[in-house]
Protein backbone atom coordinates (compact mmCIF):
# COMPACT_ATOMS: atom_id res chain seq x y z
CA UNK A 1 -45.72 50.27 4.13
CA UNK A 2 -45.08 46.64 3.32
CA UNK A 3 -46.23 45.53 -0.12
CA UNK A 4 -48.82 42.79 -0.05
CA UNK A 5 -48.30 39.37 -1.56
CA UNK A 6 -50.88 38.54 -4.23
CA UNK A 7 -52.41 35.43 -2.66
CA UNK A 8 -52.69 33.60 0.63
CA UNK A 9 -54.65 30.78 2.19
CA UNK A 10 -55.92 29.87 5.62
CA UNK A 11 -55.48 26.13 6.17
CA UNK A 12 -57.52 24.81 9.11
CA UNK A 13 -57.50 21.37 10.71
CA UNK A 14 -60.34 19.38 12.23
CA UNK A 15 -61.46 18.46 15.73
CA UNK A 16 -58.67 16.81 17.80
CA UNK A 17 -56.31 17.27 14.85
CA UNK A 18 -53.43 19.63 14.10
CA UNK A 19 -52.11 21.70 11.18
CA UNK A 20 -49.86 18.77 10.24
CA UNK A 21 -52.95 16.84 9.10
CA UNK A 22 -53.12 19.13 6.06
CA UNK A 23 -49.41 19.13 5.28
CA UNK A 24 -49.78 17.91 1.66
CA UNK A 25 -52.23 20.74 0.93
CA UNK A 26 -50.09 23.30 2.73
CA UNK A 27 -46.93 22.28 0.87
CA UNK A 28 -48.71 22.34 -2.50
CA UNK A 29 -50.07 25.83 -1.83
CA UNK A 30 -46.68 27.12 -0.74
CA UNK A 31 -45.04 25.64 -3.83
CA UNK A 32 -47.63 27.48 -5.93
CA UNK A 33 -46.72 30.79 -4.33
CA UNK A 34 -49.41 31.12 -1.65
CA UNK A 35 -48.63 32.54 1.76
CA UNK A 36 -50.14 29.96 4.10
CA UNK A 37 -51.47 30.52 7.61
CA UNK A 38 -52.19 27.25 9.43
CA UNK A 39 -53.32 28.13 12.95
CA UNK A 40 -53.69 25.65 15.79
CA UNK A 41 -57.29 25.79 17.00
CA UNK A 42 -57.95 26.77 20.60
CA UNK A 43 -57.68 23.89 23.04
CA UNK A 44 -55.70 21.70 20.66
CA UNK A 45 -52.49 21.78 22.67
CA UNK A 46 -52.47 18.02 23.17
CA UNK A 47 -54.31 18.00 26.50
CA UNK A 48 -57.75 16.40 26.41
CA UNK A 49 -59.01 18.38 29.40
CA UNK A 50 -58.09 21.66 27.72
CA UNK A 51 -60.02 20.80 24.58
CA UNK A 52 -63.04 19.73 26.62
CA UNK A 53 -63.17 23.21 28.15
CA UNK A 54 -63.23 25.11 24.83
CA UNK A 55 -66.25 26.09 22.76
CA UNK A 56 -66.80 26.49 19.03
CA UNK A 57 -66.73 30.24 19.57
CA UNK A 58 -63.18 29.89 20.90
CA UNK A 59 -62.18 28.00 17.75
CA UNK A 60 -63.92 30.51 15.52
CA UNK A 61 -62.36 33.52 17.26
CA UNK A 62 -58.94 32.11 16.48
CA UNK A 63 -59.84 31.73 12.81
CA UNK A 64 -61.08 35.32 12.65
CA UNK A 65 -57.78 36.54 14.13
CA UNK A 66 -55.79 34.42 11.67
CA UNK A 67 -57.85 35.77 8.77
CA UNK A 68 -57.34 39.36 9.86
CA UNK A 69 -53.58 38.86 10.17
CA UNK A 70 -53.32 37.17 6.77
CA UNK A 71 -55.49 39.76 5.04
CA UNK A 72 -52.96 42.43 6.01
CA UNK A 73 -50.26 40.48 4.17
CA UNK A 74 -52.02 39.34 0.99
CA UNK A 75 -54.44 40.77 -1.56
CA UNK A 76 -56.59 37.65 -1.98
CA UNK A 77 -57.46 35.30 0.89
CA UNK A 78 -58.59 31.73 0.29
CA UNK A 79 -59.57 29.05 2.77
CA UNK A 80 -59.04 25.28 2.97
CA UNK A 81 -60.55 23.37 5.88
CA UNK A 82 -60.59 19.71 6.85
CA UNK A 83 -63.64 18.23 8.59
CA UNK A 84 -64.65 20.65 11.35
CA UNK A 85 -62.24 23.13 9.79
CA UNK A 86 -64.59 23.27 6.81
CA UNK A 87 -67.51 24.22 9.08
CA UNK A 88 -65.44 27.04 10.53
CA UNK A 89 -64.70 28.14 6.97
CA UNK A 90 -68.39 28.30 6.11
CA UNK A 91 -69.02 30.34 9.25
CA UNK A 92 -66.25 32.71 8.20
CA UNK A 93 -67.72 32.94 4.68
CA UNK A 94 -71.11 33.85 6.11
CA UNK A 95 -69.62 36.81 7.94
CA UNK A 96 -66.72 37.92 5.73
CA UNK A 97 -68.60 38.38 2.43
CA UNK A 98 -66.14 39.66 -0.21
CA UNK A 99 -63.17 39.49 2.20
CA UNK A 100 -62.86 35.76 1.52
CA UNK A 101 -62.24 34.80 -2.10
CA UNK A 102 -62.95 31.08 -2.24
CA UNK A 103 -63.13 27.96 -0.08
CA UNK A 104 -62.13 24.32 -0.29
CA UNK A 105 -64.21 22.15 2.04
CA UNK A 106 -62.53 18.79 2.64
CA UNK A 107 -64.54 16.02 4.27
CA UNK A 108 -67.16 18.42 5.62
CA UNK A 109 -69.15 16.71 8.43
CA UNK A 110 -72.44 18.13 7.16
CA UNK A 111 -74.50 14.95 6.91
CA UNK A 112 -73.32 12.56 9.61
CA UNK A 113 -73.78 8.85 9.20
CA UNK A 114 -77.00 7.71 10.95
CA UNK A 115 -75.22 5.80 13.72
CA UNK A 116 -73.50 9.00 14.85
CA UNK A 117 -76.37 11.41 14.19
CA UNK A 118 -79.17 9.40 15.78
CA UNK A 119 -77.45 7.02 18.20
CA UNK A 120 -73.96 7.74 19.45
CA UNK A 121 -73.96 11.53 19.83
CA UNK A 122 -77.51 12.10 21.18
CA UNK A 123 -77.28 8.87 23.20
CA UNK A 124 -74.44 10.40 25.18
CA UNK A 125 -75.25 14.11 25.05
CA UNK A 126 -78.86 13.94 26.20
CA UNK A 127 -78.59 11.16 28.79
CA UNK A 128 -76.70 10.71 32.06
CA UNK A 129 -74.01 8.98 30.02
CA UNK A 130 -72.52 12.41 29.29
CA UNK A 131 -71.24 12.47 32.88
CA UNK A 132 -69.80 8.96 32.59
CA UNK A 133 -68.40 8.84 29.07
CA UNK A 134 -66.21 11.94 28.92
CA UNK A 135 -64.28 10.80 25.87
CA UNK A 136 -64.06 7.94 23.40
CA UNK A 137 -61.13 6.33 21.59
CA UNK A 138 -60.66 7.51 18.01
CA UNK A 139 -61.06 5.02 15.19
CA UNK A 140 -57.79 5.62 13.37
CA UNK A 141 -58.28 2.59 11.12
CA UNK A 142 -61.53 3.99 9.75
CA UNK A 143 -60.29 7.59 9.58
CA UNK A 144 -57.35 6.95 7.24
CA UNK A 145 -57.09 3.87 5.00
CA UNK A 146 -53.47 4.40 4.01
CA UNK A 147 -51.21 2.73 6.64
CA UNK A 148 -48.54 5.43 6.40
CA UNK A 149 -51.10 8.22 6.49
CA UNK A 150 -52.84 6.58 9.43
CA UNK A 151 -49.65 6.45 11.48
CA UNK A 152 -48.90 10.08 10.65
CA UNK A 153 -52.41 11.03 11.75
CA UNK A 154 -52.00 9.05 14.96
CA UNK A 155 -48.78 10.92 15.72
CA UNK A 156 -50.24 14.35 14.96
CA UNK A 157 -53.62 14.30 16.68
CA UNK A 158 -55.21 13.54 20.01
CA UNK A 159 -55.79 9.87 20.74
CA UNK A 160 -59.30 10.35 22.10
CA UNK A 161 -62.38 12.38 21.18
CA UNK A 162 -63.79 14.40 24.11
CA UNK A 163 -67.58 14.41 24.32
CA UNK A 164 -67.96 18.11 25.19
CA UNK A 165 -65.93 19.07 22.11
CA UNK A 166 -68.08 16.88 19.86
CA UNK A 167 -71.20 18.55 21.26
CA UNK A 168 -69.65 21.95 20.52
CA UNK A 169 -69.01 20.86 16.94
CA UNK A 170 -72.68 19.95 16.60
CA UNK A 171 -73.63 23.39 17.94
CA UNK A 172 -71.29 24.95 15.36
CA UNK A 173 -72.98 22.94 12.61
CA UNK A 174 -76.40 24.17 13.76
CA UNK A 175 -75.17 27.78 13.79
CA UNK A 176 -73.72 27.49 10.29
CA UNK A 177 -76.91 25.95 8.89
CA UNK A 178 -78.97 28.97 9.97
CA UNK A 179 -77.15 31.36 7.66
CA UNK A 180 -75.77 29.18 4.87
CA UNK A 181 -77.59 31.21 2.21
CA UNK A 182 -75.21 34.07 3.01
CA UNK A 183 -72.32 32.10 1.52
CA UNK A 184 -71.66 33.49 -1.97
CA UNK A 185 -68.00 32.60 -2.46
CA UNK A 186 -66.88 29.93 -4.93
CA UNK A 187 -66.73 26.51 -3.30
CA UNK A 188 -64.74 23.35 -3.94
CA UNK A 189 -65.97 20.34 -1.96
CA UNK A 190 -64.02 17.08 -1.83
CA UNK A 191 -65.13 13.99 0.07
CA UNK A 192 -63.92 10.43 0.49
CA UNK A 193 -66.51 7.83 -0.47
CA UNK A 194 -65.30 5.61 2.38
CA UNK A 195 -65.78 8.30 5.02
CA UNK A 196 -67.11 6.49 8.10
CA UNK A 197 -68.24 9.69 9.83
CA UNK A 198 -69.90 11.86 7.18
CA UNK A 199 -71.92 11.01 4.10
CA UNK A 200 -70.63 12.54 0.83
CA UNK A 201 -74.26 13.44 0.05
CA UNK A 202 -73.83 16.29 2.50
CA UNK A 203 -72.10 18.14 -0.33
CA UNK A 204 -75.39 18.19 -2.22
CA UNK A 205 -77.17 19.71 0.76
CA UNK A 206 -74.55 22.44 1.00
CA UNK A 207 -74.77 23.17 -2.72
CA UNK A 208 -78.55 23.53 -2.53
CA UNK A 209 -78.37 25.93 0.42
CA UNK A 210 -75.53 28.31 -0.47
CA UNK A 211 -75.85 31.27 -2.82
CA UNK A 212 -72.53 30.53 -4.51
CA UNK A 213 -72.69 30.65 -8.30
CA UNK A 214 -69.65 28.43 -8.65
CA UNK A 215 -69.57 25.09 -6.82
CA UNK A 216 -67.36 22.13 -7.69
CA UNK A 217 -67.67 18.70 -6.09
CA UNK A 218 -65.38 15.70 -6.17
CA UNK A 219 -65.82 12.26 -4.58
CA UNK A 220 -62.67 10.19 -4.13
CA UNK A 221 -62.98 6.41 -4.25
CA UNK A 222 -59.87 5.54 -2.24
CA UNK A 223 -60.11 7.85 0.76
CA UNK A 224 -61.85 7.98 4.12
CA UNK A 225 -62.53 10.95 6.42
CA UNK A 226 -59.02 12.39 6.75
CA UNK A 227 -58.58 12.50 2.99
CA UNK A 228 -55.64 14.90 3.16
CA UNK A 229 -53.49 12.04 4.48
CA UNK A 230 -55.08 9.16 2.62
CA UNK A 231 -54.40 7.42 -0.70
CA UNK A 232 -55.76 10.37 -2.70
CA UNK A 233 -53.87 13.09 -0.84
CA UNK A 234 -51.98 14.25 -3.96
CA UNK A 235 -55.25 14.60 -5.87
CA UNK A 236 -56.74 16.60 -3.02
CA UNK A 237 -53.77 18.97 -2.86
CA UNK A 238 -53.67 19.47 -6.62
CA UNK A 239 -57.40 20.14 -6.94
CA UNK A 240 -57.27 22.74 -4.16
CA UNK A 241 -54.38 24.61 -5.78
CA UNK A 242 -55.89 24.35 -9.27
CA UNK A 243 -59.26 25.65 -8.03
CA UNK A 244 -57.78 28.70 -6.33
CA UNK A 245 -55.42 29.40 -9.24
CA UNK A 246 -58.30 29.29 -11.70
CA UNK A 247 -60.35 31.70 -9.59
CA UNK A 248 -57.45 34.12 -9.58
CA UNK A 249 -56.94 33.73 -13.33
CA UNK A 250 -60.63 34.29 -14.08
CA UNK A 251 -60.69 37.45 -12.00
CA UNK A 252 -57.58 38.81 -13.65
CA UNK A 253 -59.14 38.22 -17.05
CA UNK A 254 -62.37 39.87 -15.94
CA UNK A 255 -60.50 42.88 -14.60
CA UNK A 256 -58.48 43.16 -17.79
CA UNK A 257 -61.61 42.95 -19.92
CA UNK A 258 -63.28 45.63 -17.84
CA UNK A 259 -60.33 47.96 -18.28
CA UNK A 260 -60.13 47.47 -22.04
CA UNK A 261 -63.89 47.81 -22.34
C-alpha cells in the first residue's frame, strides 16, 4: 500500500479560465511540499459551444472526482479556488465536512456589482435577448490590471463569456447560499479592491453565514478580479501557503498536546 503524502491541495480555476490562471499559487504550494491537483473543469476545452452545453453540476462532479483521487494520495486536503472555483469549493465544503481541511477563496463572486446583478445578467437571462446574445466579449483590461498578467490570462482562457454558462454559475451561487451554514472549515478570503465583477464586501456576507470558527480576510489594493495573475500575485500565493501551513502546524501542536495530556 502506497504511503500517503502529508498534504495536498485542489487548485480550481474560474469560469472560462484554465488551471494556468492559478500558476503562481500552484507553484508556491508545490515549492512548499504540497501535492497539487489542478483539474480542468468540464466544458473548458477551449470550445465555446462545449462550455455552453455544460452545467454547474458537471463542473462540481469533476471537482468531487479530483478530491476523491487526491484524498487517496495525501493525509490532509486543502482547497484554493479562483472566482467560480471558490464557489465550487464552498459547495465541496458543505458536503465534505471533515474531509476538507481548509479553503482559500480568491475573488469569490458572492456579491456581484449592481450592473451585473440587476442589469446585465437578468436583462439577458429573463428576456428574449438570451436567444440573441449567446456570448459576450470578456473585458480583459478590467479583469487583470497588470499588462503581463493580462496577456497571460488572454492566452490561457476563452475569449468570450457564454451566456448559458454564466446562468449556470448564478444557479451554483444560489445552491451554495442555501447551505452555507454547513461550512465549518477554516477560510482564507482574498479579494482585489479593483474587482469590476464582484464587490469585496461579499467576503463579509460569507463570514456572517458560515459556521467556521477561523476566517481570515484580505483586500488587495492593486489587483482586480483575476488577482492570481495581477500585481499582487506573489502576496496571494504566499498568504495561501502560509494559511495552510499554519493550519497544519496548529493541528500538529494540538495533537501533540492531546497525547502528552
